[in-house]
Amino acid sequence: MQQNKKDTVYQISLAGFLITILGAVFFSTKAIFVKLAFKSTGIDAVTLLTLRMLFSLPFYLVAAWIGSKKESAVTLTFRQWFFLILLGTFGYYLSSLFDFIGLQYVSAGLERLILFLYPTFSVLINTFLYKTKLNKTQVIALVLTYLGIGIAYIGEMKIDTSNPNFYFGSFMIFLCAITYSFYLVGTGRMIPKVGVTRYTAYAMLAATVGIFIHFLVTKNIQQIPFTPTLIGYSIALAIIATVLPSFMMSNGMKKIGSNNVSIITSIGPVSTIIQAHFFLGEKIIIPQVIGTALVIIGVLLIGWQSKNQASETT
């Protein structure tokens, strides 16, 4: 009987690890689809972001309805609604806006490297704001993953700085990392109170409203070129790079916690660099290879820790 209990807990922990990894890979396709859309259609960042959320909207409306049915035992308070809307705005409106603008000026590989500063910010927020403690394994994993990202980043800078808007684009991605880190930490706190499905759907709907308002204020809907190519990339962005990873990441946080999710998702730069090489023709350089190896070691270390923690709690 005790053995069955151990197996169950172990499977939950492993599931959280695998869901988070897969969500990170799906999420990493975003930069590829955005760069391809920019190149193929000449669309601007705000319009592409709006189309992404337009095609995501039906999925989140359905999820919100399902979540309200399954997770309606506790009525949301005004405070919970406020933070839910605030986190949605930070996580998928401001973050996405900064990210899409930055992607106009930097490579997909560099975008992902800068963006993945957010686990550092998330861990620091948890540590100093919520007084959580980092264990030794998390510290080692952070050092390894960010040493790897730093090495790869320096290598990327040597081949990307010819773009006159390089530093502006980098700064936009940096702002994206900051705003997304607040979303990540807040998500870890809100999900136990609100529920995974309901929280993810409502947060994304809040972000969608913000994006739509931004578009209506700054753009003209009649000027959107609804070509098959643009629609195809927009749908791919909506489903593969938005809907699926958003629910996967939320479920991952519920199972293994936001600190571990922050570190595990450092696999994202690896995934993006490989995809960017094959689909965008971006070069893979030696610093990227070294950095990638260190990131993988850090990610595997967290996965090993999650498995051991699950076994020790039984």
Protein backbone atom coordinates (compact mmCIF):
# COMPACT_ATOMS: atom_id res chain seq x y z
CA MET A 1 0.00 0.00 0.00
CA GLN A 2 2.84 2.34 0.91
CA GLN A 3 4.52 1.49 -2.38
CA ASN A 4 1.45 2.52 -4.35
CA LYS A 5 1.43 5.84 -2.56
CA LYS A 6 5.07 6.39 -3.46
CA ASP A 7 4.41 5.55 -7.09
CA THR A 8 1.51 7.97 -7.23
CA VAL A 9 3.46 10.89 -5.82
CA TYR A 10 6.42 10.10 -8.06
CA GLN A 11 4.21 10.11 -11.15
CA ILE A 12 2.67 13.47 -10.18
CA SER A 13 6.13 15.01 -9.79
CA LEU A 14 7.36 13.55 -13.07
CA ALA A 15 4.21 14.73 -14.82
CA GLY A 16 4.79 18.27 -13.57
CA PHE A 17 8.36 18.20 -14.83
CA LEU A 18 7.41 16.86 -18.28
CA ILE A 19 4.43 19.21 -18.68
CA THR A 20 6.65 22.18 -17.89
CA ILE A 21 9.36 21.09 -20.34
CA LEU A 22 6.84 20.55 -23.14
CA GLY A 23 5.13 23.86 -22.39
CA ALA A 24 8.49 25.63 -22.57
CA VAL A 25 9.25 24.05 -25.95
CA PHE A 26 5.85 25.04 -27.34
CA PHE A 27 6.27 28.53 -25.94
CA SER A 28 9.69 28.79 -27.59
CA THR A 29 8.09 28.41 -31.03
CA LYS A 30 6.57 31.87 -30.61
CA ALA A 31 9.72 33.71 -31.67
CA ILE A 32 10.02 31.51 -34.77
CA PHE A 33 6.44 32.13 -35.88
CA VAL A 34 6.75 35.87 -35.18
CA LYS A 35 9.97 36.22 -37.17
CA LEU A 36 8.53 34.21 -40.06
CA ALA A 37 5.36 36.34 -40.05
CA PHE A 38 7.38 39.58 -40.02
CA LYS A 39 9.51 38.35 -42.92
CA SER A 40 6.69 36.90 -45.02
CA THR A 41 3.98 39.50 -44.52
CA GLY A 42 5.63 42.72 -43.33
CA ILE A 43 3.03 42.95 -40.57
CA ASP A 44 3.66 45.21 -37.55
CA ALA A 45 4.04 43.96 -33.98
CA VAL A 46 0.75 45.29 -32.56
CA THR A 47 -1.38 43.88 -35.38
CA LEU A 48 0.28 40.46 -35.23
CA LEU A 49 -0.16 40.37 -31.45
CA THR A 50 -3.83 41.28 -31.86
CA LEU A 51 -4.40 38.48 -34.38
CA ARG A 52 -2.64 36.04 -32.08
CA MET A 53 -5.06 36.85 -29.28
CA LEU A 54 -8.06 36.98 -31.61
CA PHE A 55 -7.54 33.35 -32.62
CA SER A 56 -6.76 32.38 -29.01
CA LEU A 57 -9.94 33.97 -27.70
CA PRO A 58 -12.41 31.11 -28.43
CA PHE A 59 -10.24 28.62 -26.54
CA TYR A 60 -10.04 30.83 -23.45
CA LEU A 61 -13.76 31.59 -23.52
CA VAL A 62 -14.49 27.84 -23.51
CA ALA A 63 -11.88 27.27 -20.79
CA ALA A 64 -13.37 30.06 -18.68
CA TRP A 65 -16.82 28.50 -18.96
CA ILE A 66 -15.51 25.02 -18.07
CA GLY A 67 -13.45 26.42 -15.21
CA SER A 68 -16.41 28.28 -13.76
CA LYS A 69 -18.36 25.03 -13.71
CA LYS A 70 -15.63 22.83 -12.24
CA GLU A 71 -13.96 25.29 -9.91
CA SER A 72 -16.87 27.44 -8.72
CA ALA A 73 -16.95 26.25 -5.11
CA VAL A 74 -15.25 29.46 -3.99
CA THR A 75 -16.47 32.79 -5.34
CA LEU A 76 -13.68 35.13 -6.37
CA THR A 77 -13.26 38.16 -4.13
CA PHE A 78 -12.71 41.68 -5.43
CA ARG A 79 -9.04 41.40 -4.40
CA GLN A 80 -8.64 38.15 -6.34
CA TRP A 81 -10.28 39.65 -9.42
CA PHE A 82 -8.00 42.69 -9.17
CA PHE A 83 -4.80 40.64 -9.00
CA LEU A 84 -6.01 38.23 -11.65
CA ILE A 85 -6.61 41.07 -14.11
CA LEU A 86 -3.37 42.78 -13.10
CA LEU A 87 -1.33 39.61 -13.59
CA GLY A 88 -2.99 38.89 -16.92
CA THR A 89 -2.15 42.41 -18.06
CA PHE A 90 1.48 42.05 -16.99
CA GLY A 91 1.91 38.50 -18.23
CA TYR A 92 0.36 38.43 -21.67
CA TYR A 93 -0.36 42.03 -22.63
CA LEU A 94 2.69 44.07 -21.62
CA SER A 95 5.10 41.15 -21.82
CA SER A 96 3.88 40.10 -25.26
CA LEU A 97 3.86 43.67 -26.53
CA PHE A 98 7.46 44.27 -25.42
CA ASP A 99 8.47 40.89 -26.83
CA PHE A 100 6.90 41.38 -30.27
CA ILE A 101 8.42 44.86 -30.58
CA GLY A 102 11.84 43.55 -29.61
CA LEU A 103 11.66 40.68 -32.09
CA GLN A 104 11.59 43.20 -34.92
CA TYR A 105 15.21 44.10 -34.12
CA VAL A 106 16.96 41.06 -32.59
CA SER A 107 17.34 37.42 -33.61
CA ALA A 108 15.03 34.73 -32.26
CA GLY A 109 17.93 33.09 -30.43
CA LEU A 110 18.98 36.30 -28.70
CA GLU A 111 15.37 37.14 -27.82
CA ARG A 112 14.97 33.87 -25.97
CA LEU A 113 18.28 34.31 -24.14
CA ILE A 114 17.38 37.77 -22.87
CA LEU A 115 13.83 36.72 -22.03
CA PHE A 116 15.09 33.89 -19.90
CA LEU A 117 16.47 36.27 -17.37
CA TYR A 118 12.96 36.06 -15.90
CA PRO A 119 13.61 32.99 -13.73
CA THR A 120 16.23 35.02 -11.88
CA PHE A 121 13.72 37.81 -11.31
CA SER A 122 11.03 35.32 -10.29
CA VAL A 123 13.25 33.59 -7.76
CA LEU A 124 14.39 36.93 -6.34
CA ILE A 125 10.78 38.10 -6.00
CA ASN A 126 9.86 34.89 -4.20
CA THR A 127 12.92 35.12 -1.99
CA PHE A 128 12.73 38.77 -0.95
CA LEU A 129 9.02 39.55 -1.23
CA TYR A 130 7.53 36.27 0.01
CA LYS A 131 10.52 35.21 2.16
CA THR A 132 10.88 31.78 0.56
CA LYS A 133 14.20 29.97 0.82
CA LEU A 134 16.33 28.64 -1.99
CA ASN A 135 17.76 25.18 -1.42
CA LYS A 136 21.26 24.22 -2.50
CA THR A 137 20.09 22.36 -5.60
CA GLN A 138 18.13 25.36 -6.85
CA VAL A 139 21.12 27.64 -6.33
CA ILE A 140 23.43 25.31 -8.26
CA ALA A 141 20.86 24.96 -11.05
CA LEU A 142 20.45 28.72 -11.28
CA VAL A 143 24.20 29.24 -11.47
CA LEU A 144 24.57 26.64 -14.22
CA THR A 145 21.63 27.80 -16.32
CA TYR A 146 22.49 31.48 -16.15
CA LEU A 147 26.18 30.92 -16.70
CA GLY A 148 25.16 29.06 -19.83
CA ILE A 149 22.76 31.78 -20.93
CA GLY A 150 25.40 34.46 -20.25
CA ILE A 151 28.03 32.70 -22.37
CA ALA A 152 25.60 32.25 -25.25
CA TYR A 153 24.40 35.85 -24.94
CA ILE A 154 27.91 37.25 -25.29
CA GLY A 155 28.42 35.14 -28.41
CA GLU A 156 25.14 36.37 -29.90
CA MET A 157 26.08 40.00 -29.30
CA LYS A 158 29.13 39.65 -31.54
CA ILE A 159 27.00 38.83 -34.58
CA ASP A 160 23.87 40.94 -33.94
CA THR A 161 25.09 44.43 -33.05
CA SER A 162 25.16 45.63 -36.67
CA ASN A 163 21.43 46.34 -36.40
CA PRO A 164 20.98 50.04 -35.46
CA ASN A 165 17.99 49.14 -33.25
CA PHE A 166 19.76 46.20 -31.61
CA TYR A 167 19.99 47.74 -28.14
CA PHE A 168 16.44 49.08 -28.27
CA GLY A 169 15.17 45.64 -29.22
CA SER A 170 17.24 44.06 -26.44
CA PHE A 171 15.80 46.54 -23.94
CA MET A 172 12.25 45.67 -25.01
CA ILE A 173 12.92 41.99 -24.42
CA PHE A 174 14.47 42.85 -21.05
CA LEU A 175 11.25 44.66 -20.06
CA CYS A 176 9.33 41.60 -21.20
CA ALA A 177 11.41 39.44 -18.84
CA ILE A 178 10.66 41.74 -15.90
CA THR A 179 6.91 41.90 -16.46
CA TYR A 180 6.66 38.17 -17.15
CA SER A 181 8.49 37.35 -13.92
CA PHE A 182 5.80 39.13 -11.91
CA TYR A 183 3.16 37.14 -13.77
CA LEU A 184 4.97 33.89 -13.05
CA VAL A 185 5.30 34.55 -9.32
CA GLY A 186 1.72 35.80 -9.04
CA THR A 187 0.46 32.76 -10.91
CA GLY A 188 2.10 30.45 -8.41
CA ARG A 189 0.25 32.29 -5.63
CA MET A 190 -3.14 32.58 -7.33
CA ILE A 191 -3.64 29.10 -8.78
CA PRO A 192 -4.23 27.35 -5.42
CA LYS A 193 -6.95 29.91 -4.65
CA VAL A 194 -8.59 30.26 -8.07
CA GLY A 195 -7.92 26.97 -9.86
CA VAL A 196 -5.73 26.24 -12.88
CA THR A 197 -8.28 26.38 -15.68
CA ARG A 198 -10.19 29.36 -14.37
CA TYR A 199 -7.07 31.38 -13.53
CA THR A 200 -5.36 30.79 -16.88
CA ALA A 201 -8.48 31.53 -18.89
CA TYR A 202 -9.43 34.69 -16.98
CA ALA A 203 -5.87 36.05 -16.99
CA MET A 204 -5.59 35.52 -20.74
CA LEU A 205 -8.99 37.11 -21.33
CA ALA A 206 -7.88 40.16 -19.33
CA ALA A 207 -4.74 40.39 -21.46
CA THR A 208 -6.80 40.01 -24.64
CA VAL A 209 -9.01 42.95 -23.68
CA GLY A 210 -5.92 45.09 -23.11
CA ILE A 211 -4.45 44.10 -26.46
CA PHE A 212 -7.69 44.76 -28.32
CA ILE A 213 -8.03 48.21 -26.74
CA HIS A 214 -4.42 49.00 -27.67
CA PHE A 215 -5.08 47.97 -31.28
CA LEU A 216 -8.30 49.96 -31.61
CA VAL A 217 -6.60 53.09 -30.26
CA THR A 218 -3.50 52.87 -32.44
CA LYS A 219 -4.48 50.94 -35.60
CA ASN A 220 -7.21 50.62 -38.22
CA ILE A 221 -8.85 47.21 -38.55
CA GLN A 222 -9.52 47.81 -42.25
CA GLN A 223 -5.79 47.89 -42.92
CA ILE A 224 -5.15 44.32 -41.75
CA PRO A 225 -4.12 42.20 -44.78
CA PHE A 226 -6.04 38.98 -44.13
CA THR A 227 -3.87 36.82 -46.37
CA PRO A 228 -3.70 33.02 -45.98
CA THR A 229 -0.06 33.32 -44.90
CA LEU A 230 -0.79 35.82 -42.16
CA ILE A 231 -3.82 33.88 -40.95
CA GLY A 232 -1.77 30.67 -40.89
CA TYR A 233 1.00 32.17 -38.77
CA SER A 234 -1.55 33.83 -36.49
CA ILE A 235 -3.35 30.54 -35.86
CA ALA A 236 -0.05 28.78 -35.19
CA LEU A 237 0.89 31.52 -32.73
CA ALA A 238 -2.49 31.23 -31.06
CA ILE A 239 -2.65 27.47 -30.60
CA ILE A 240 0.92 26.15 -30.53
CA ALA A 241 2.69 29.11 -28.95
CA THR A 242 -0.07 30.52 -26.71
CA VAL A 243 -3.02 28.32 -25.73
CA LEU A 244 -1.22 25.02 -25.19
CA PRO A 245 1.83 26.36 -23.31
CA SER A 246 -0.22 28.72 -21.13
CA PHE A 247 -2.24 25.83 -19.69
CA MET A 248 0.81 23.57 -19.49
CA MET A 249 2.82 26.15 -17.55
CA SER A 250 -0.05 26.79 -15.14
CA ASN A 251 -0.44 23.07 -14.50
CA GLY A 252 3.30 22.75 -14.05
CA MET A 253 3.28 25.48 -11.40
CA LYS A 254 0.48 23.73 -9.57
CA LYS A 255 2.41 20.46 -9.47
CA ILE A 256 6.00 21.55 -8.75
CA GLY A 257 5.93 25.25 -7.77
CA SER A 258 6.89 28.47 -9.53
CA ASN A 259 10.57 28.41 -8.51
CA ASN A 260 11.15 25.04 -10.12
CA VAL A 261 9.11 26.02 -13.16
CA SER A 262 11.25 29.14 -13.53
CA ILE A 263 14.41 27.08 -13.68
CA ILE A 264 13.10 24.18 -15.76
CA THR A 265 11.84 26.51 -18.48
CA SER A 266 15.43 27.62 -19.06
CA ILE A 267 15.36 24.87 -21.69
CA GLY A 268 13.50 27.44 -23.83
CA PRO A 269 16.62 29.15 -25.24
CA VAL A 270 17.98 25.77 -26.33
CA SER A 271 14.78 24.97 -28.17
CA THR A 272 14.58 28.39 -29.80
CA ILE A 273 18.22 28.41 -30.95
CA ILE A 274 17.83 25.01 -32.61
CA GLN A 275 14.56 25.98 -34.28
CA ALA A 276 15.96 29.34 -35.37
CA HIS A 277 18.87 27.57 -37.07
CA PHE A 278 16.66 25.25 -39.10
CA PHE A 279 13.71 27.54 -39.85
CA LEU A 280 15.28 31.01 -39.90
CA GLY A 281 18.84 30.23 -40.96
CA GLU A 282 20.37 31.74 -37.81
CA LYS A 283 23.91 30.55 -37.08
CA ILE A 284 24.77 28.30 -34.18
CA ILE A 285 28.09 29.42 -32.73
CA ILE A 286 30.46 27.86 -30.20
CA PRO A 287 29.33 30.04 -27.24
CA GLN A 288 25.77 28.89 -27.93
CA VAL A 289 26.83 25.25 -27.81
CA ILE A 290 28.67 25.73 -24.50
CA GLY A 291 25.81 27.72 -23.02
CA THR A 292 23.27 25.18 -24.22
CA ALA A 293 25.14 22.34 -22.51
CA LEU A 294 25.17 24.19 -19.18
CA VAL A 295 21.47 24.99 -19.44
CA ILE A 296 20.60 21.34 -20.11
CA ILE A 297 22.63 20.24 -17.07
CA GLY A 298 20.77 22.76 -14.91
CA VAL A 299 17.39 21.62 -16.21
CA LEU A 300 18.17 17.94 -15.65
CA LEU A 301 19.36 18.76 -12.13
CA ILE A 302 15.99 20.30 -11.31
CA GLY A 303 14.18 17.30 -12.78
CA TRP A 304 16.28 14.96 -10.61
CA GLN A 305 15.54 17.10 -7.54
CA SER A 306 11.78 17.07 -8.22
CA LYS A 307 11.79 13.27 -8.41
CA ASN A 308 13.75 12.91 -5.17
CA GLN A 309 11.55 15.42 -3.33
CA ALA A 310 8.46 13.48 -4.34
CA SER A 311 9.94 10.24 -3.03
CA GLU A 312 11.01 11.83 0.27
CA THR A 313 7.51 13.20 1.01
CA THR A 314 5.95 9.73 1.03
